[in-house]
Protein backbone atom coordinates (compact mmCIF):
# COMPACT_ATOMS: atom_id res chain seq x y z
CA MET A 1 -22.28 16.45 29.06
CA ASN A 2 -20.30 14.68 26.34
CA LEU A 3 -17.53 12.54 27.79
CA ILE A 4 -16.28 11.12 24.51
CA ASP A 5 -14.50 13.29 21.95
CA TRP A 6 -16.03 11.65 18.87
CA PRO A 7 -13.98 13.58 16.28
CA ALA A 8 -10.79 12.40 18.01
CA VAL A 9 -12.09 8.81 18.04
CA VAL A 10 -12.82 8.95 14.30
CA ARG A 11 -9.48 10.67 13.56
CA ASN A 12 -7.56 7.99 15.45
CA ALA A 13 -9.61 5.18 13.95
CA LEU A 14 -8.74 6.53 10.50
CA TRP A 15 -4.98 6.16 10.93
CA ILE A 16 -5.37 2.77 12.61
CA VAL A 17 -7.53 1.47 9.74
CA GLY A 18 -5.13 2.96 7.19
CA LEU A 19 -2.07 1.27 8.65
CA SER A 20 -4.03 -1.97 9.09
CA ILE A 21 -4.76 -1.96 5.37
CA VAL A 22 -1.06 -1.41 4.61
CA LEU A 23 -0.09 -4.27 6.94
CA ALA A 24 -2.67 -6.63 5.41
CA ALA A 25 -1.53 -5.77 1.88
CA TRP A 26 2.12 -6.32 2.83
CA SER A 27 1.34 -9.64 4.50
CA TYR A 28 -0.58 -10.93 1.48
CA LEU A 29 2.11 -9.73 -0.93
CA SER A 30 4.83 -11.40 1.12
CA TRP A 31 2.92 -14.69 1.17
CA LEU A 32 2.12 -14.59 -2.56
CA ALA A 33 5.66 -13.64 -3.55
CA ALA A 34 7.08 -16.52 -1.50
CA ARG A 35 4.56 -18.89 -3.02
CA ARG A 36 5.50 -17.80 -6.55
CA GLY A 37 9.23 -17.82 -5.82
CA VAL A 38 9.65 -14.08 -6.38
CA ARG A 39 11.45 -11.69 -4.06
CA VAL A 40 9.14 -9.30 -2.26
CA TRP A 41 11.08 -6.27 -3.49
CA ARG A 42 10.35 -7.35 -7.08
CA ALA A 43 6.66 -7.87 -6.34
CA ILE A 44 6.17 -4.60 -4.47
CA ASP A 45 5.14 -2.76 -7.64
CA TRP A 46 2.34 -5.22 -8.44
CA PRO A 47 -1.00 -3.36 -8.49
CA MET A 48 -2.44 -5.88 -6.01
CA PHE A 49 -0.13 -4.35 -3.38
CA ALA A 50 0.24 -0.80 -4.65
CA ALA A 51 -3.49 0.00 -4.78
CA PRO A 52 -4.50 -1.04 -1.23
CA ALA A 53 -1.22 0.12 0.30
CA SER A 54 -1.63 3.55 -1.28
CA ALA A 55 -5.23 3.74 -0.10
CA GLY A 56 -4.17 2.86 3.43
CA LEU A 57 -1.38 5.42 3.40
CA ALA A 58 -3.83 8.03 2.09
CA LEU A 59 -6.12 7.33 5.05
CA PHE A 60 -3.15 7.62 7.40
CA ALA A 61 -2.07 10.95 5.88
CA ALA A 62 -5.66 12.25 5.93
CA SER A 63 -5.91 11.44 9.63
CA LEU A 64 -2.68 13.29 10.36
CA ALA A 65 -3.84 16.25 8.26
CA TRP A 66 -7.05 16.35 10.26
CA GLY A 67 -5.13 16.43 13.53
CA ALA A 68 -2.46 18.90 12.41
CA THR A 69 -2.19 22.09 14.45
CA ARG A 70 -0.08 24.20 12.08
CA ALA A 71 -1.10 25.27 8.59
CA TRP A 72 2.16 24.14 6.93
CA GLU A 73 1.82 20.74 8.60
CA ARG A 74 -1.77 20.34 7.41
CA ILE A 75 -0.81 21.36 3.84
CA LEU A 76 2.04 18.85 3.83
CA TRP A 77 -0.18 15.97 4.98
CA ILE A 78 -2.90 16.90 2.47
CA PHE A 79 -0.33 16.97 -0.31
CA LEU A 80 0.96 13.56 0.78
CA ALA A 81 -2.58 12.13 0.94
CA ALA A 82 -3.26 13.44 -2.57
CA ALA A 83 -0.03 11.85 -3.82
CA PHE A 84 -1.04 8.50 -2.33
CA LEU A 85 -4.49 8.76 -3.92
CA ALA A 86 -2.89 9.50 -7.29
CA GLN A 87 -0.64 6.47 -6.85
CA MET A 88 -3.69 4.34 -6.01
CA VAL A 89 -5.51 5.50 -9.16
CA GLN A 90 -2.42 4.73 -11.23
CA ALA A 91 -2.21 1.22 -9.73
CA LEU A 92 -5.90 0.60 -10.43
CA ARG A 93 -5.46 1.68 -14.05
CA GLN A 94 -2.44 -0.58 -14.38
CA ALA A 95 -4.46 -3.45 -12.90
CA ARG A 96 -7.21 -2.86 -15.44
CA ARG A 97 -4.70 -3.02 -18.30
CA GLN A 98 -2.36 -5.78 -17.13
CA GLY A 99 -4.16 -7.69 -14.38
CA TRP A 100 -3.59 -7.61 -10.64
CA SER A 101 -0.30 -9.49 -10.68
CA PRO A 102 2.01 -10.92 -13.28
CA ALA A 103 1.51 -14.54 -14.27
CA PRO A 104 3.70 -16.99 -12.38
CA ALA A 105 7.05 -17.34 -14.10
CA ALA A 106 7.90 -20.66 -15.70
CA SER A 107 11.03 -22.12 -14.15
CA GLY A 108 14.25 -21.10 -15.83
CA THR A 109 12.70 -19.17 -18.72
CA SER A 110 14.98 -16.17 -18.41
CA ALA A 111 17.90 -14.82 -16.44
CA GLN A 112 15.67 -12.20 -14.83
CA ASN A 113 13.22 -14.83 -13.55
CA SER A 114 16.00 -16.87 -12.04
CA ALA A 115 17.35 -13.73 -10.35
CA ASP A 116 13.97 -13.21 -8.71
CA ARG A 117 14.02 -16.59 -7.01
CA PRO A 118 15.65 -17.00 -3.62
CA SER A 119 18.72 -19.18 -3.49
CA ALA A 120 18.18 -22.79 -2.49
CA GLY A 121 21.07 -22.89 -0.02
C-alpha cells in the first residue's frame, strides 16, 4: 500500500523550486540595482537576472504541463517552457559575450545614467 503519491510530490516540488528561483533572482537583482543606483526596471534585462529567472519559470511551466489534464493545456505549457528555456540560453550567451551585468556607471557620465538613478528627494 502506497500512501504517498510520489509523482504529485515531485510535480509540486518542481513548481515550488521554480518560483523560489525566480524570487531569489528578483531579490538579488533588486538589491544589486539599489546598490548601483539603477532602477530595477532598467536592470531586469541583465543576464544575471534573466538566466535564472527564465530557468525558474521553465521549471514552473514544466510542472504545470506535467499536471495538465487537457491536451491543449499541456501543449500550451510545453510551448511556454520551451520559450523560457530559449530565453535562458539567450541570456547565457549574452552573459558570455558581455558579462553578467553592466559595469557600475560613473556618476553623471551621461543623461541616460542620471535617468537610471532614483531621485534624492
